Protein backbone atom coordinates (compact mmCIF):
# COMPACT_ATOMS: atom_id res chain seq x y z
CA MET A 1 0.00 0.00 0.00
CA GLU A 2 1.31 3.41 -0.86
CA LEU A 3 1.86 5.93 1.88
CA PHE A 4 -0.79 8.18 0.36
CA ASP A 5 -3.44 5.48 0.86
CA ARG A 6 -2.83 5.01 4.53
CA PRO A 7 -5.64 6.29 6.76
CA THR A 8 -4.34 9.06 8.95
CA THR A 9 -5.83 11.24 11.65
CA HIS A 10 -4.66 14.66 12.64
CA ALA A 11 -4.74 15.63 16.31
CA ALA A 12 -4.97 19.20 17.55
CA PHE A 13 -3.01 18.41 20.69
CA ASP A 14 0.58 17.49 21.36
CA ASP A 15 0.86 13.79 22.21
CA SER A 16 3.93 14.25 24.41
CA SER A 17 3.81 13.25 28.06
CA GLU A 18 3.76 16.87 29.23
CA LYS A 19 0.25 18.23 29.23
CA GLU A 20 -0.48 21.29 27.13
CA ALA A 21 -1.86 24.37 28.92
CA VAL A 22 -5.10 25.57 27.35
CA VAL A 23 -7.47 28.45 28.00
CA LEU A 24 -11.17 27.56 27.72
CA VAL A 25 -13.85 30.01 26.63
CA HIS A 26 -17.52 29.44 27.40
CA LEU A 27 -19.98 32.26 26.75
CA ASN A 28 -23.56 32.35 27.92
CA PHE A 29 -26.11 33.23 25.24
CA ARG A 30 -29.01 32.92 27.68
CA ASP A 31 -28.67 29.14 27.73
CA PRO A 32 -30.68 27.55 30.58
CA ASP A 33 -28.34 24.52 30.46
CA PHE A 34 -25.20 26.66 30.72
CA ALA A 35 -23.77 24.83 33.74
CA ASP A 36 -24.38 21.34 32.31
CA VAL A 37 -22.91 22.32 28.95
CA GLU A 38 -19.80 23.70 30.66
CA GLN A 39 -19.31 20.52 32.71
CA GLU A 40 -19.53 18.48 29.53
CA PHE A 41 -17.03 20.83 27.88
CA ILE A 42 -14.56 20.25 30.71
CA GLU A 43 -15.01 16.48 30.43
CA LEU A 44 -14.31 16.70 26.71
CA VAL A 45 -11.10 18.64 27.35
CA ASN A 46 -10.05 16.16 30.04
CA SER A 47 -10.34 13.44 27.40
CA THR A 48 -7.36 15.02 25.62
CA ASN A 49 -3.76 15.58 26.59
CA ALA A 50 -4.53 19.09 27.82
CA LYS A 51 -4.32 20.93 31.14
CA VAL A 52 -7.02 23.51 31.80
CA ALA A 53 -5.25 26.73 32.79
CA THR A 54 -8.42 28.78 33.26
CA ILE A 55 -11.96 29.24 31.95
CA VAL A 56 -13.06 32.60 30.59
CA HIS A 57 -16.77 33.35 30.89
CA GLY A 58 -18.94 36.04 29.40
CA ASN A 59 -22.53 36.98 28.63
CA ARG A 60 -23.72 38.04 25.21
CA GLN A 61 -26.96 38.48 23.33
CA ARG A 62 -25.47 37.13 20.09
CA PRO A 63 -22.03 36.22 18.70
CA ASP A 64 -19.79 39.00 17.43
CA PRO A 65 -19.45 38.62 13.63
CA LYS A 66 -15.68 39.19 13.65
CA PHE A 67 -14.38 37.81 16.95
CA PHE A 68 -17.39 35.81 18.22
CA ALA A 69 -16.68 36.98 21.79
CA GLY A 70 -16.24 40.68 21.06
CA LYS A 71 -13.00 42.67 21.02
CA GLY A 72 -12.99 43.42 24.75
CA LYS A 73 -13.43 39.77 25.69
CA ILE A 74 -10.73 38.75 23.20
CA ASP A 75 -8.35 41.16 24.95
CA GLU A 76 -9.21 39.49 28.27
CA ILE A 77 -8.56 36.05 26.77
CA HIS A 78 -5.21 37.30 25.43
CA GLN A 79 -4.15 38.36 28.91
CA GLU A 80 -4.96 34.87 30.22
CA VAL A 81 -2.99 33.29 27.37
CA LEU A 82 0.05 35.36 28.29
CA ALA A 83 -0.37 34.81 32.03
CA HIS A 84 -0.52 31.02 31.68
CA ASN A 85 1.80 30.70 28.68
CA ALA A 86 -1.02 28.81 26.95
CA ALA A 87 -0.44 27.33 23.51
CA LEU A 88 -4.11 26.79 22.66
CA VAL A 89 -7.49 28.45 23.23
CA MET A 90 -10.61 26.31 22.96
CA PHE A 91 -14.10 27.72 22.53
CA ASN A 92 -17.11 25.69 23.60
CA HIS A 93 -18.82 27.02 20.50
CA ASP A 94 -18.57 26.51 16.77
CA LEU A 95 -16.51 29.25 15.14
CA SER A 96 -16.73 30.28 11.52
CA PRO A 97 -13.49 30.02 9.50
CA SER A 98 -13.08 33.81 9.47
CA GLN A 99 -13.74 34.11 13.21
CA GLU A 100 -11.17 31.43 13.91
CA ARG A 101 -8.55 33.21 11.79
CA ASN A 102 -9.34 36.62 13.32
CA ILE A 103 -9.08 35.29 16.87
CA GLU A 104 -5.81 33.48 16.14
CA ALA A 105 -4.31 36.68 14.77
CA LYS A 106 -5.32 38.57 17.93
CA LEU A 107 -4.27 35.93 20.44
CA GLU A 108 -1.15 34.83 18.57
CA CYS A 109 -1.81 31.18 19.35
CA ARG A 110 -3.85 28.29 18.01
CA VAL A 111 -7.63 28.42 18.37
CA ILE A 112 -10.18 25.63 17.88
CA GLY A 113 -13.93 25.42 18.39
CA ARG A 114 -16.13 22.69 19.81
CA THR A 115 -16.26 20.73 16.57
CA GLY A 116 -12.47 20.69 16.28
CA LEU A 117 -12.23 19.41 19.85
CA ILE A 118 -14.68 16.56 19.27
CA LEU A 119 -12.99 15.58 16.03
CA ASP A 120 -9.63 15.46 17.85
CA ILE A 121 -11.08 13.12 20.48
CA PHE A 122 -12.52 10.87 17.79
CA ALA A 123 -9.11 10.79 16.11
CA ARG A 124 -7.58 9.54 19.35
CA ARG A 125 -10.25 6.89 19.98
CA ALA A 126 -10.52 5.31 16.52
CA ARG A 127 -8.86 1.90 16.46
CA SER A 128 -10.18 -0.01 13.47
CA HIS A 129 -9.29 0.71 9.85
CA GLU A 130 -12.89 1.77 9.16
CA GLY A 131 -13.03 4.01 12.22
CA LYS A 132 -9.86 5.82 11.21
CA LEU A 133 -11.20 6.35 7.69
CA GLN A 134 -14.46 7.76 9.07
CA VAL A 135 -12.71 10.14 11.45
CA GLU A 136 -10.29 11.37 8.80
CA LEU A 137 -13.14 12.04 6.39
CA ALA A 138 -14.94 14.10 9.05
CA GLN A 139 -11.75 16.02 9.82
CA LEU A 140 -11.06 16.81 6.17
CA LYS A 141 -14.64 17.96 5.56
CA HIS A 142 -14.25 20.29 8.51
CA LEU A 143 -10.89 21.57 7.29
CA SER A 144 -12.14 22.08 3.74
CA THR A 145 -14.19 25.08 4.90
CA ARG A 146 -11.13 26.72 6.41
CA LEU A 147 -7.89 28.17 5.15
CA VAL A 148 -6.04 24.99 4.26
CA ARG A 149 -2.62 24.61 5.80
CA GLY A 150 -0.32 21.68 6.35
CA TRP A 151 -1.36 19.50 3.39
CA THR A 152 1.66 19.93 1.11
CA HIS A 153 3.02 16.57 2.33
CA LEU A 154 0.33 14.90 0.22
CA GLU A 155 1.86 16.47 -2.88
CA ARG A 156 5.19 14.78 -2.15
CA GLN A 157 3.43 11.46 -1.69
CA LYS A 158 1.84 11.76 -5.12
CA GLY A 159 5.05 12.69 -6.91
CA GLY A 160 4.97 16.49 -6.81
CA ILE A 161 6.45 17.28 -10.24
CA GLY A 162 3.76 18.06 -12.76
CA MET A 163 1.02 18.27 -10.13
CA ARG A 164 0.67 22.03 -10.02
CA GLY A 165 -1.15 23.75 -12.88
CA PRO A 166 -0.06 27.03 -14.51
CA GLY A 167 -0.40 29.92 -12.11
CA GLU A 168 -1.88 27.75 -9.37
CA THR A 169 -1.24 29.08 -5.89
CA GLN A 170 -0.10 26.92 -2.98
CA LEU A 171 -3.51 27.32 -1.35
CA GLU A 172 -5.27 26.10 -4.51
CA THR A 173 -2.92 23.14 -4.68
CA ASP A 174 -3.64 22.22 -1.08
CA ARG A 175 -7.38 22.48 -1.62
CA ARG A 176 -7.22 20.31 -4.72
CA LEU A 177 -5.18 17.65 -2.90
CA LEU A 178 -7.61 17.85 0.00
CA GLY A 179 -10.53 17.26 -2.36
CA GLN A 180 -8.76 14.27 -3.90
CA ARG A 181 -8.20 12.76 -0.46
CA ILE A 182 -11.86 13.25 0.50
CA LYS A 183 -12.96 11.58 -2.74
CA SER A 184 -10.64 8.63 -2.06
CA LEU A 185 -11.94 8.21 1.50
CA LYS A 186 -15.57 8.29 0.35
CA LYS A 187 -14.84 5.60 -2.22
CA ARG A 188 -13.18 3.31 0.31
CA LEU A 189 -15.92 3.86 2.90
CA GLY A 190 -18.46 3.08 0.18
CA LYS A 191 -16.92 -0.39 -0.11
CA VAL A 192 -17.22 -0.84 3.66
CA GLN A 193 -20.85 0.26 3.52
CA SER A 194 -21.50 -2.32 0.79
CA GLN A 195 -20.00 -5.05 2.98
CA ARG A 196 -22.18 -3.97 5.91
CA SER A 197 -25.26 -4.07 3.67
CA GLN A 198 -24.40 -7.64 2.69
CA GLY A 199 -24.13 -8.56 6.37
CA ARG A 200 -27.54 -7.04 7.12
CA ARG A 201 -29.13 -8.90 4.21
CA SER A 202 -27.58 -12.13 5.49
CA ARG A 203 -29.07 -11.56 8.95
CA GLN A 204 -32.47 -10.80 7.46
CA ARG A 205 -32.40 -14.03 5.43
CA SER A 206 -31.51 -15.93 8.61
CA ASP A 207 -34.34 -14.28 10.59
CA VAL A 208 -31.85 -12.71 12.99
CA SER A 209 -33.08 -9.62 14.83
CA VAL A 210 -30.67 -6.81 15.72
CA VAL A 211 -30.82 -4.97 19.04
CA SER A 212 -28.78 -1.76 18.99
CA LEU A 213 -27.44 0.09 22.03
CA VAL A 214 -27.80 3.85 21.80
CA GLY A 215 -27.40 6.68 24.25
CA TYR A 216 -25.39 9.67 25.34
CA THR A 217 -21.66 9.08 25.56
CA ASN A 218 -20.33 7.58 28.80
CA MET A 219 -23.67 6.04 29.83
CA GLY A 220 -22.25 2.51 30.16
CA LYS A 221 -23.26 1.03 26.79
CA SER A 222 -20.08 -0.98 26.28
CA THR A 223 -20.17 -2.34 29.83
CA LEU A 224 -23.73 -3.55 29.29
CA PHE A 225 -22.78 -4.93 25.89
CA ASN A 226 -19.95 -6.98 27.41
CA LYS A 227 -22.20 -8.38 30.15
CA LEU A 228 -24.94 -9.45 27.73
CA THR A 229 -22.70 -10.91 25.03
CA SER A 230 -19.60 -12.04 26.97
CA ALA A 231 -17.55 -9.80 24.70
CA ASP A 232 -14.44 -7.84 25.61
CA VAL A 233 -15.20 -4.48 24.00
CA TYR A 234 -13.11 -1.66 25.44
CA ALA A 235 -15.05 0.18 28.15
CA ASP A 236 -13.86 3.16 30.16
CA ASN A 237 -15.34 5.96 32.25
CA ARG A 238 -14.64 8.69 29.72
CA LEU A 239 -16.37 10.30 26.77
CA PHE A 240 -16.33 8.44 23.44
CA ALA A 241 -14.53 5.36 24.76
CA THR A 242 -16.21 3.41 21.95
CA LEU A 243 -16.11 4.47 18.31
CA ASP A 244 -15.88 1.28 16.32
CA PRO A 245 -19.19 -0.60 15.93
CA THR A 246 -19.23 -4.14 17.29
CA LEU A 247 -21.83 -6.84 16.67
CA ARG A 248 -22.10 -10.01 18.76
CA ARG A 249 -24.58 -12.83 19.05
CA MET A 250 -26.60 -12.95 22.27
CA LYS A 251 -27.00 -16.30 23.99
CA LEU A 252 -30.52 -15.93 25.33
CA GLU A 253 -32.82 -18.92 25.71
CA GLY A 254 -36.47 -18.62 24.78
CA THR A 255 -36.05 -15.88 22.19
CA GLN A 256 -35.49 -15.47 18.50
CA PRO A 257 -31.84 -15.40 17.36
CA LEU A 258 -30.53 -11.99 18.39
CA VAL A 259 -27.47 -9.93 17.49
CA MET A 260 -26.53 -6.93 19.64
CA ALA A 261 -24.77 -3.87 18.20
CA ASP A 262 -22.67 -1.48 20.26
CA THR A 263 -22.35 1.94 18.62
CA VAL A 264 -20.73 5.32 19.18
CA GLY A 265 -22.23 7.49 21.90
CA PHE A 266 -23.98 10.75 21.08
CA ILE A 267 -23.45 14.22 22.48
CA ARG A 268 -24.95 17.71 22.32
CA ASN A 269 -24.55 19.29 18.91
CA LEU A 270 -22.71 16.32 17.43
CA PRO A 271 -20.84 17.74 14.41
CA HIS A 272 -22.78 17.27 11.19
CA ASP A 273 -19.67 16.10 9.30
CA LEU A 274 -19.11 13.45 11.93
CA VAL A 275 -22.67 12.13 11.62
CA GLU A 276 -22.31 12.00 7.83
CA SER A 277 -18.92 10.27 7.97
CA PHE A 278 -20.23 7.62 10.38
CA SER A 279 -23.34 6.98 8.29
CA SER A 280 -22.37 3.37 7.49
CA THR A 281 -21.90 2.70 11.22
CA LEU A 282 -25.14 4.39 12.22
CA GLU A 283 -27.10 2.35 9.67
CA GLU A 284 -26.86 -0.54 12.11
CA THR A 285 -28.98 1.57 14.44
CA ARG A 286 -31.43 2.63 11.75
CA ASP A 287 -32.04 -0.96 10.62
CA ALA A 288 -32.35 -2.47 14.11
CA GLU A 289 -35.59 -4.02 15.37
CA LEU A 290 -35.16 -2.52 18.86
CA LEU A 291 -33.05 0.23 20.41
CA LEU A 292 -31.88 -0.05 23.99
CA HIS A 293 -31.64 3.62 24.98
CA ILE A 294 -29.11 3.70 27.83
CA VAL A 295 -29.41 6.56 30.33
CA GLU A 296 -27.91 7.27 33.74
CA ALA A 297 -30.60 6.59 36.31
CA GLY A 298 -29.56 9.34 38.71
CA ALA A 299 -28.74 12.08 36.21
CA GLU A 300 -30.73 15.24 36.92
CA ASN A 301 -30.67 16.17 33.23
CA ARG A 302 -31.64 12.67 32.09
CA ASP A 303 -34.60 13.83 30.00
CA ASP A 304 -32.49 16.53 28.36
CA LEU A 305 -29.78 14.04 27.38
CA MET A 306 -32.41 11.67 25.99
CA ARG A 307 -33.78 14.51 23.90
CA HIS A 308 -30.35 15.12 22.35
CA VAL A 309 -29.98 11.42 21.53
CA ASN A 310 -33.43 11.29 19.97
CA SER A 311 -32.53 14.32 17.88
CA VAL A 312 -29.57 12.46 16.36
CA LEU A 313 -31.73 9.36 15.85
CA GLU A 314 -34.19 11.50 13.93
CA HIS A 315 -31.36 12.91 11.83
CA ILE A 316 -30.20 9.43 10.76
CA GLY A 317 -33.74 8.13 10.19
CA ALA A 318 -33.89 5.87 13.26
CA ASP A 319 -36.57 7.77 15.17
CA GLU A 320 -39.29 5.24 14.21
CA VAL A 321 -37.39 2.25 15.65
CA PRO A 322 -39.01 1.02 18.93
CA GLN A 323 -37.08 1.93 22.09
CA LEU A 324 -36.65 0.28 25.46
CA VAL A 325 -35.18 2.69 28.01
CA ILE A 326 -32.42 1.24 30.20
CA CYS A 327 -31.86 3.24 33.41
CA ASN A 328 -28.28 2.26 34.19
CA LYS A 329 -25.95 2.85 37.16
CA ILE A 330 -28.55 2.25 39.90
CA ASP A 331 -25.61 1.10 42.06
CA GLN A 332 -24.74 4.79 42.41
CA LEU A 333 -28.14 5.52 43.98
CA GLU A 334 -29.15 4.83 47.56
CA ASP A 335 -31.77 2.12 48.16
CA HIS A 336 -32.64 1.76 44.48
CA LYS A 337 -33.54 -1.76 43.45
CA PRO A 338 -33.76 -3.22 39.93
CA ARG A 339 -37.25 -3.11 38.47
CA LEU A 340 -39.35 -3.19 35.32
CA ASP A 341 -41.71 -0.34 34.37
CA ARG A 342 -44.69 -1.12 32.16
CA ASP A 343 -47.11 1.14 30.30
CA GLU A 344 -50.90 1.08 30.56
CA ASN A 345 -50.99 -1.83 28.11
CA GLY A 346 -48.59 -3.91 30.19
CA LYS A 347 -45.68 -3.48 27.78
CA ILE A 348 -42.22 -3.12 29.32
CA VAL A 349 -40.92 0.38 28.57
CA ARG A 350 -38.13 0.82 31.13
CA VAL A 351 -35.60 -1.39 32.93
CA TRP A 352 -33.66 -0.23 35.98
CA LEU A 353 -30.30 -1.98 36.39
CA SER A 354 -26.56 -1.72 36.92
CA ALA A 355 -24.38 -2.98 34.10
CA GLN A 356 -21.33 -2.64 36.36
CA THR A 357 -22.58 -4.94 39.14
CA GLY A 358 -24.97 -7.05 37.07
CA GLU A 359 -28.01 -6.13 39.16
CA GLY A 360 -31.16 -6.21 37.05
CA LEU A 361 -29.65 -7.95 34.02
CA ASP A 362 -32.11 -10.80 34.55
CA LEU A 363 -34.94 -8.27 34.20
CA LEU A 364 -33.49 -7.02 30.91
CA ARG A 365 -33.37 -10.59 29.65
CA ILE A 366 -37.04 -10.96 30.59
CA ALA A 367 -37.83 -7.79 28.64
CA LEU A 368 -35.96 -9.05 25.57
CA LYS A 369 -37.85 -12.34 25.72
CA GLU A 370 -41.13 -10.42 25.67
CA TYR A 371 -39.99 -8.25 22.75
CA PHE A 372 -38.60 -11.21 20.78
CA PRO A 373 -40.57 -14.34 21.70
CA GLU A 374 -39.28 -17.61 20.30
CA GLN A 375 -41.00 -18.50 17.03
CA ASP A 376 -41.14 -21.55 14.82
CA VAL A 377 -38.58 -20.26 12.38
CA ALA A 378 -35.43 -21.80 11.00
CA LEU A 379 -32.63 -20.77 13.34
CA ALA A 380 -29.52 -19.30 11.78
CA LYS A 381 -26.42 -21.40 11.86
CA SER A 382 -23.91 -20.39 14.49
CA THR A 383 -21.25 -20.14 11.80
CA ASP A 384 -23.30 -17.48 10.05
CA LEU A 385 -23.71 -15.49 13.24
CA GLU A 386 -20.06 -15.60 14.17
CA SER A 387 -19.22 -13.38 11.20
CA PHE A 388 -21.37 -10.56 12.58
């Protein structure tokens, strides 16, 4: 394989052992969830190799067209950058390309917005070949709207001589090479999507139902997935611990053949380019027969987080798929026992459990048996299911 064809990801942070000092900026545009959004922002930053030097706050009616935060606030941020010798300023907002360039010129250091931060985290988490391709595609789509810098190495990989047209500027060359790379990534991901479609058709022919785990990031999806399928998917108490989709057969007596899918967690304002790049992965959710919507039982903003997840599900066309709400982490609540909640028709709509301790998993199995009762159908061969 040529060097040019290798999937690469581009991190915004230095990967050295010494943490990079950063200044955070979070402005309040009359957001009732301001405190929750800021806490999530801090958790995102902590997922990187960065050290929070300080957080700059401010109140505004609307973003400033040129500097987003206004000239006075930018001067305040500059003073903090100098005081802490910070190499990076991160906004918990999406900045336009011109705003980003204007702020960088004023602060004399690197500046990234919320989307750039999330893309950087995804670049660090991706492990599989497909995941790295998806993340790189999202990164390049994001970069294509900005002043392109740092892509001349692709020209050397393609030969260099004869590549540049008459009178073509370096910026135009970089943009053209960027477009070529995006086209190549889309083509390769298209092949992956075709393979996934074949797998779904195979499951449909074998009468195998898919149960997909969805939910806000860091809700315990992978832990629950491992407990139900005896898998060893990486699970950690941090945002976006899982990026690569995993499908495993469930060994559950008294039900139809089932396959469970573990997918990437969602978050507020998930970047559009990221959703588009992960479309082949998210199709497993769209085509599932049941979604297990994992939430944290004791979270005060539980309904708000569920609303954000449902918004993404609607965006990918999965809003019509039936949901079973899983209230996880009951072990973190006092005197809270596992239980099943049913609606007025007696249908199970909510299961309270702890994936970490295993409490309530038997109730979830009962719920799955009710949703997928055993039928007189030809069971799929185990060899067919192993490939999922």
